[in-house]
Amino acid sequence: MAKASVRKADNPHAEMGRVVADVRQASGLNLDEFAQAIKKDPRQVKRWEDAEDRPQIEAVYAVDAFKPLVVEAMARQNRQQIEIETVIRIRRIA
């Protein structure tokens, strides 16, 4: 089967592949651990990151621990300056 050569800049999967790679890096997991967490084959995840296949961002977002990381990575892809604020509130209940 012949495959068309597509430059990464023209590849529609490149942005989402970078999101997946950013989420994996931010999670501190290696490729195998990350793939296991999202219940996918590590080779598949690598193809997503390399923009060789359509990333299944919904598989990454389905893991609760990755949801904020996905949102943050997608905001960064927007190429606009973003500000991330983490707020921790501790309330003492009498």
Protein backbone atom coordinates (compact mmCIF):
# COMPACT_ATOMS: atom_id res chain seq x y z
CA MET A 1 0.00 0.00 0.00
CA ALA A 2 1.41 3.37 -0.99
CA LYS A 3 1.52 6.06 1.62
CA ALA A 4 1.56 9.75 0.81
CA SER A 5 4.38 11.70 2.34
CA VAL A 6 3.00 14.55 4.42
CA ARG A 7 5.20 17.17 5.99
CA LYS A 8 4.68 17.47 9.74
CA ALA A 9 3.58 21.09 9.38
CA ASP A 10 0.79 19.98 7.02
CA ASN A 11 -0.17 16.95 9.07
CA PRO A 12 -3.50 17.50 10.83
CA HIS A 13 -2.53 14.99 13.53
CA ALA A 14 0.66 16.80 14.51
CA GLU A 15 -0.93 19.19 17.03
CA MET A 16 -2.84 16.47 18.85
CA GLY A 17 0.26 14.26 18.75
CA ARG A 18 2.15 17.04 20.54
CA VAL A 19 -0.68 17.22 23.09
CA VAL A 20 -0.33 13.48 23.78
CA ALA A 21 3.45 13.82 24.10
CA ASP A 22 3.07 16.82 26.42
CA VAL A 23 0.59 14.98 28.62
CA ARG A 24 2.85 11.93 28.82
CA GLN A 25 5.86 14.07 29.70
CA ALA A 26 3.92 16.09 32.29
CA SER A 27 2.62 12.88 33.88
CA GLY A 28 6.18 11.65 34.41
CA LEU A 29 5.38 8.29 32.85
CA ASN A 30 7.45 6.50 30.26
CA LEU A 31 5.85 5.32 27.03
CA ASP A 32 4.95 1.86 28.34
CA GLU A 33 3.46 3.15 31.60
CA PHE A 34 1.46 5.83 29.81
CA ALA A 35 0.14 3.36 27.24
CA GLN A 36 -0.89 0.99 30.00
CA ALA A 37 -2.71 3.82 31.83
CA ILE A 38 -4.79 4.63 28.73
CA LYS A 39 -5.15 0.95 27.77
CA LYS A 40 -3.40 1.29 24.41
CA ASP A 41 -0.39 -0.35 22.80
CA PRO A 42 2.85 1.64 23.28
CA ARG A 43 3.55 1.42 19.53
CA GLN A 44 0.18 3.06 18.86
CA VAL A 45 0.91 5.87 21.30
CA LYS A 46 4.30 6.42 19.65
CA ARG A 47 2.58 6.69 16.24
CA TRP A 48 0.27 9.34 17.72
CA GLU A 49 3.18 11.32 19.10
CA ASP A 50 5.00 11.08 15.76
CA ALA A 51 1.83 12.24 13.91
CA GLU A 52 1.73 9.02 11.90
CA ASP A 53 -1.80 8.18 13.12
CA ARG A 54 -4.80 10.15 14.38
CA PRO A 55 -4.32 10.54 18.14
CA GLN A 56 -7.23 9.28 20.17
CA ILE A 57 -7.21 12.20 22.56
CA GLU A 58 -10.45 10.89 24.06
CA ALA A 59 -8.55 7.83 25.36
CA VAL A 60 -6.10 10.11 27.15
CA TYR A 61 -8.84 12.40 28.46
CA ALA A 62 -10.77 9.41 29.81
CA VAL A 63 -8.15 9.00 32.56
CA ASP A 64 -9.10 11.38 35.36
CA ALA A 65 -5.49 12.12 36.31
CA PHE A 66 -4.74 13.25 32.75
CA LYS A 67 -7.76 15.57 32.25
CA PRO A 68 -6.10 18.74 33.60
CA LEU A 69 -2.91 17.90 31.71
CA VAL A 70 -4.85 17.54 28.44
CA VAL A 71 -6.57 20.89 28.93
CA GLU A 72 -3.26 22.60 29.73
CA ALA A 73 -1.47 21.01 26.75
CA MET A 74 -4.28 21.95 24.38
CA ALA A 75 -4.21 25.54 25.64
CA ARG A 76 -0.47 25.66 24.92
CA GLN A 77 -1.14 24.48 21.35
CA ASN A 78 -3.27 27.58 20.84
CA ARG A 79 0.01 29.52 20.81
CA GLN A 80 -1.44 32.25 22.94
CA GLN A 81 0.07 33.19 26.21
CA ILE A 82 -1.67 31.28 28.95
CA GLU A 83 -1.63 31.69 32.66
CA ILE A 84 -2.06 28.68 34.88
CA GLU A 85 -3.17 29.21 38.43
CA THR A 86 -3.34 26.50 41.03
CA VAL A 87 -5.47 27.30 44.04
CA ILE A 88 -5.59 25.15 47.15
CA ARG A 89 -8.21 26.02 49.73
CA ILE A 90 -8.26 24.39 53.11
CA ARG A 91 -11.34 25.00 55.19
CA ARG A 92 -11.59 23.99 58.76
CA ILE A 93 -14.99 22.61 59.57
CA ALA A 94 -16.02 23.27 63.16
